[in-house]
N, C-alpha and C. Protein backbone atom coordinates (compact mmCIF):
# COMPACT_ATOMS: atom_id res chain seq x y z
N MET A 1 0.77 -1.29 -0.33
CA MET A 1 0.26 0.03 -0.08
C MET A 1 0.88 1.33 -0.10
N LYS A 2 0.21 1.99 -1.07
CA LYS A 2 1.27 3.65 -1.00
C LYS A 2 0.73 4.61 -0.03
N MET A 3 1.85 5.60 0.39
CA MET A 3 1.10 6.41 0.74
C MET A 3 0.38 7.87 0.12
N SER A 4 0.52 7.67 -0.67
CA SER A 4 -0.04 8.80 -1.72
C SER A 4 -1.52 8.48 -2.34
N GLU A 5 -2.40 6.93 -1.63
CA GLU A 5 -3.25 7.07 -2.13
C GLU A 5 -4.31 8.00 -1.89
N THR A 6 -5.25 8.40 -2.88
CA THR A 6 -6.08 9.99 -2.62
C THR A 6 -7.53 9.33 -3.19
N ALA A 7 -8.32 10.26 -2.68
CA ALA A 7 -9.64 9.86 -3.53
C ALA A 7 -10.42 11.20 -3.43
N THR A 8 -11.96 11.37 -4.52
CA THR A 8 -12.06 13.01 -4.40
C THR A 8 -13.45 13.37 -3.59
N LEU A 9 -13.74 14.12 -3.00
CA LEU A 9 -14.88 14.51 -2.42
C LEU A 9 -16.37 14.94 -3.41
N SER A 10 -17.04 13.93 -3.24
CA SER A 10 -18.08 14.22 -4.79
C SER A 10 -19.28 15.47 -4.41
N SER A 11 -20.14 15.47 -5.41
CA SER A 11 -20.86 16.90 -5.07
C SER A 11 -22.31 16.42 -4.01
N LYS A 12 -22.35 14.68 -3.44
CA LYS A 12 -22.91 14.17 -2.28
C LYS A 12 -22.19 14.16 -1.67
N PHE A 13 -20.94 14.56 -1.37
CA PHE A 13 -20.30 14.62 0.10
C PHE A 13 -19.72 13.32 0.03
N GLN A 14 -19.59 12.29 -0.65
CA GLN A 14 -18.85 10.91 -0.55
C GLN A 14 -18.01 11.22 -0.95
N ILE A 15 -16.73 9.46 -0.56
CA ILE A 15 -15.93 9.40 -0.59
C ILE A 15 -15.36 8.15 -0.84
N SER A 16 -14.58 8.06 -2.16
CA SER A 16 -14.74 6.10 -2.32
C SER A 16 -13.62 6.02 -1.39
N ILE A 17 -13.05 4.95 -0.87
CA ILE A 17 -11.62 4.55 0.02
C ILE A 17 -11.18 3.71 -1.22
N PRO A 18 -9.84 3.94 -1.54
CA PRO A 18 -9.00 3.47 -2.35
C PRO A 18 -9.29 1.36 -2.59
N LYS A 19 -9.07 0.65 -3.25
CA LYS A 19 -9.01 -0.46 -2.93
C LYS A 19 -7.77 -1.32 -2.15
N ALA A 20 -6.68 0.02 -2.79
CA ALA A 20 -5.43 -0.85 -2.29
C ALA A 20 -5.86 -0.66 -0.52
N ILE A 21 -7.05 0.72 -0.05
CA ILE A 21 -6.55 0.60 1.60
C ILE A 21 -7.15 -0.40 1.98
N ARG A 22 -8.48 -0.62 1.12
CA ARG A 22 -9.28 -1.37 1.43
C ARG A 22 -8.93 -2.70 1.73
N THR A 23 -8.23 -3.24 0.96
CA THR A 23 -7.82 -4.52 0.82
C THR A 23 -6.58 -4.49 1.71
N ALA A 24 -5.62 -3.74 2.02
CA ALA A 24 -4.50 -4.00 3.29
C ALA A 24 -5.57 -3.71 4.71
N GLN A 25 -6.50 -3.17 4.75
CA GLN A 25 -6.92 -3.14 6.11
C GLN A 25 -8.49 -4.03 6.55
N HIS A 26 -8.55 -4.80 5.55
CA HIS A 26 -9.87 -6.14 5.09
C HIS A 26 -11.11 -5.37 6.12
N TRP A 27 -11.43 -4.10 5.30
CA TRP A 27 -12.69 -3.70 4.95
C TRP A 27 -13.62 -3.83 4.22
N HIS A 28 -14.71 -4.05 4.63
CA HIS A 28 -15.60 -4.74 3.54
C HIS A 28 -16.85 -3.66 3.87
N ALA A 29 -17.73 -3.89 2.47
CA ALA A 29 -19.07 -3.23 2.34
C ALA A 29 -19.79 -3.07 3.85
N GLY A 30 -20.61 -2.14 4.36
CA GLY A 30 -21.21 -2.14 5.95
C GLY A 30 -20.54 -2.02 6.76
N LEU A 31 -19.26 -1.98 6.71
CA LEU A 31 -18.49 -1.21 7.80
C LEU A 31 -18.79 -0.07 8.51
N THR A 32 -19.01 0.01 9.87
CA THR A 32 -19.34 1.40 10.43
C THR A 32 -18.21 2.02 10.71
N PHE A 33 -17.86 2.93 10.42
CA PHE A 33 -16.46 3.75 11.01
C PHE A 33 -16.97 5.10 11.82
N ALA A 34 -15.79 5.76 12.56
CA ALA A 34 -16.08 6.90 13.72
C ALA A 34 -15.48 7.79 12.89
N PHE A 35 -15.75 9.21 12.87
CA PHE A 35 -14.84 9.74 12.48
C PHE A 35 -14.50 10.99 13.48
N ILE A 36 -12.98 10.94 13.76
CA ILE A 36 -12.18 11.72 14.66
C ILE A 36 -11.54 12.79 14.51
N PRO A 37 -12.06 14.01 14.80
CA PRO A 37 -11.08 15.43 14.76
C PRO A 37 -9.63 15.33 15.21
N LYS A 38 -8.17 15.72 13.79
CA LYS A 38 -7.32 15.58 14.83
C LYS A 38 -6.67 16.49 14.09
N GLY A 39 -6.84 18.16 14.48
CA GLY A 39 -5.84 19.09 14.02
C GLY A 39 -6.72 19.63 12.86
N THR A 40 -6.30 19.55 12.17
CA THR A 40 -7.00 19.81 10.16
C THR A 40 -7.14 18.98 9.80
N GLY A 41 -7.20 17.56 10.08
CA GLY A 41 -7.81 16.26 9.22
C GLY A 41 -8.65 15.38 10.13
N VAL A 42 -8.74 14.57 10.07
CA VAL A 42 -9.97 13.29 10.35
C VAL A 42 -9.28 12.16 10.42
N LEU A 43 -9.81 11.63 11.67
CA LEU A 43 -8.94 10.25 11.61
C LEU A 43 -10.14 9.25 11.23
N LEU A 44 -10.36 8.18 10.26
CA LEU A 44 -11.26 7.23 10.11
C LEU A 44 -11.29 5.89 10.44
N VAL A 45 -11.80 5.65 11.89
CA VAL A 45 -11.49 4.25 12.63
C VAL A 45 -12.76 3.39 11.93
N PRO A 46 -12.48 2.38 11.81
CA PRO A 46 -13.76 0.96 12.13
C PRO A 46 -14.12 0.39 13.74
N VAL A 47 -15.63 0.91 13.60
CA VAL A 47 -16.06 0.33 15.11
C VAL A 47 -16.40 -0.81 14.90
N PRO A 48 -15.65 -1.46 16.00
CA PRO A 48 -15.75 -2.74 16.40
C PRO A 48 -17.47 -3.47 16.66
N LYS A 49 -17.21 -4.32 16.23
CA LYS A 49 -18.94 -4.97 16.67
C LYS A 49 -18.43 -5.29 18.18
N ARG A 50 -19.74 -5.46 18.96
CA ARG A 50 -19.90 -5.67 20.21
C ARG A 50 -19.39 -6.62 20.75
N GLU A 51 -19.47 -8.03 19.91
CA GLU A 51 -18.71 -9.16 20.12
C GLU A 51 -17.56 -8.98 20.38
N ALA A 52 -16.87 -8.21 19.34
CA ALA A 52 -15.25 -7.80 19.69
C ALA A 52 -14.82 -7.67 20.87
N LEU A 53 -15.83 -6.82 21.75
CA LEU A 53 -15.33 -6.27 22.74
C LEU A 53 -15.58 -7.30 24.41
N LYS A 54 -16.07 -7.98 24.02
CA LYS A 54 -16.05 -8.97 24.96
C LYS A 54 -14.69 -9.77 25.47
N GLY A 55 -14.72 -9.26 27.17
CA GLY A 55 -13.54 -9.56 27.72
C GLY A 55 -12.46 -8.44 27.73
N LEU A 56 -12.77 -7.53 27.03
CA LEU A 56 -11.73 -6.37 27.04
C LEU A 56 -11.37 -6.23 28.32
N ALA A 57 -12.10 -5.95 29.39
CA ALA A 57 -11.90 -5.43 30.40
C ALA A 57 -11.58 -6.43 31.69
N LYS A 58 -11.20 -7.77 30.99
CA LYS A 58 -11.16 -8.67 31.75
C LYS A 58 -9.87 -8.78 32.97
N GLY A 59 -10.13 -8.87 34.37
CA GLY A 59 -9.02 -8.44 35.22
C GLY A 59 -8.83 -7.03 35.64
N ALA A 60 -9.77 -6.34 34.92
CA ALA A 60 -9.38 -4.66 35.38
C ALA A 60 -9.60 -4.15 37.06
N SER A 61 -9.11 -3.88 37.57
CA SER A 61 -9.04 -3.46 38.74
C SER A 61 -9.92 -2.02 39.25
N THR A 62 -11.21 -2.42 40.05
CA THR A 62 -11.87 -1.17 40.01
C THR A 62 -11.42 -0.36 41.48
N THR A 63 -10.57 -0.50 42.20
CA THR A 63 -10.12 -0.03 43.82
C THR A 63 -9.59 1.38 43.24
N GLU A 64 -9.07 1.49 42.24
CA GLU A 64 -8.58 3.18 42.05
C GLU A 64 -9.74 3.63 41.24
N TYR A 65 -10.97 3.10 41.00
CA TYR A 65 -12.19 4.19 40.30
C TYR A 65 -12.41 4.92 41.11
N ARG A 66 -12.58 6.26 40.72
CA ARG A 66 -12.86 7.55 41.40
C ARG A 66 -14.77 7.60 41.29
N ASP A 67 -15.20 8.06 42.28
CA ASP A 67 -16.73 8.22 41.91
C ASP A 67 -16.82 9.62 42.00
N ARG A 68 -18.41 9.91 41.74
CA ARG A 68 -18.36 11.50 41.50
C ARG A 68 -19.22 12.02 42.96
N SER A 69 -19.01 11.80 43.96
CA SER A 69 -19.20 12.22 45.08
C SER A 69 -18.28 13.74 45.38
N ASP A 70 -17.06 13.77 44.59
CA ASP A 70 -16.73 15.01 44.78
C ASP A 70 -17.08 16.43 43.45
N ARG A 71 -17.96 16.07 43.05
CA ARG A 71 -18.95 17.09 41.92
C ARG A 71 -19.67 17.35 42.34
N PHE A 72 -19.89 19.09 41.71
CA PHE A 72 -21.27 19.58 42.22
C PHE A 72 -22.43 19.54 41.08
């Protein structure tokens, strides 16, 4: 995959992701994305399915959890 892949914003405000990018990232039709503003650009991140998040916080400690009793 080259870093010089580009796309043009259409009059309907749509962008087609170049095939080289889609293939390298294993993206497919119907995938949901989040747009995260970063300075003058935007970070495009696929949103994981709920099943993929199962067990993500396994073993996390709640001892350092701060409650909201100190807020107004």
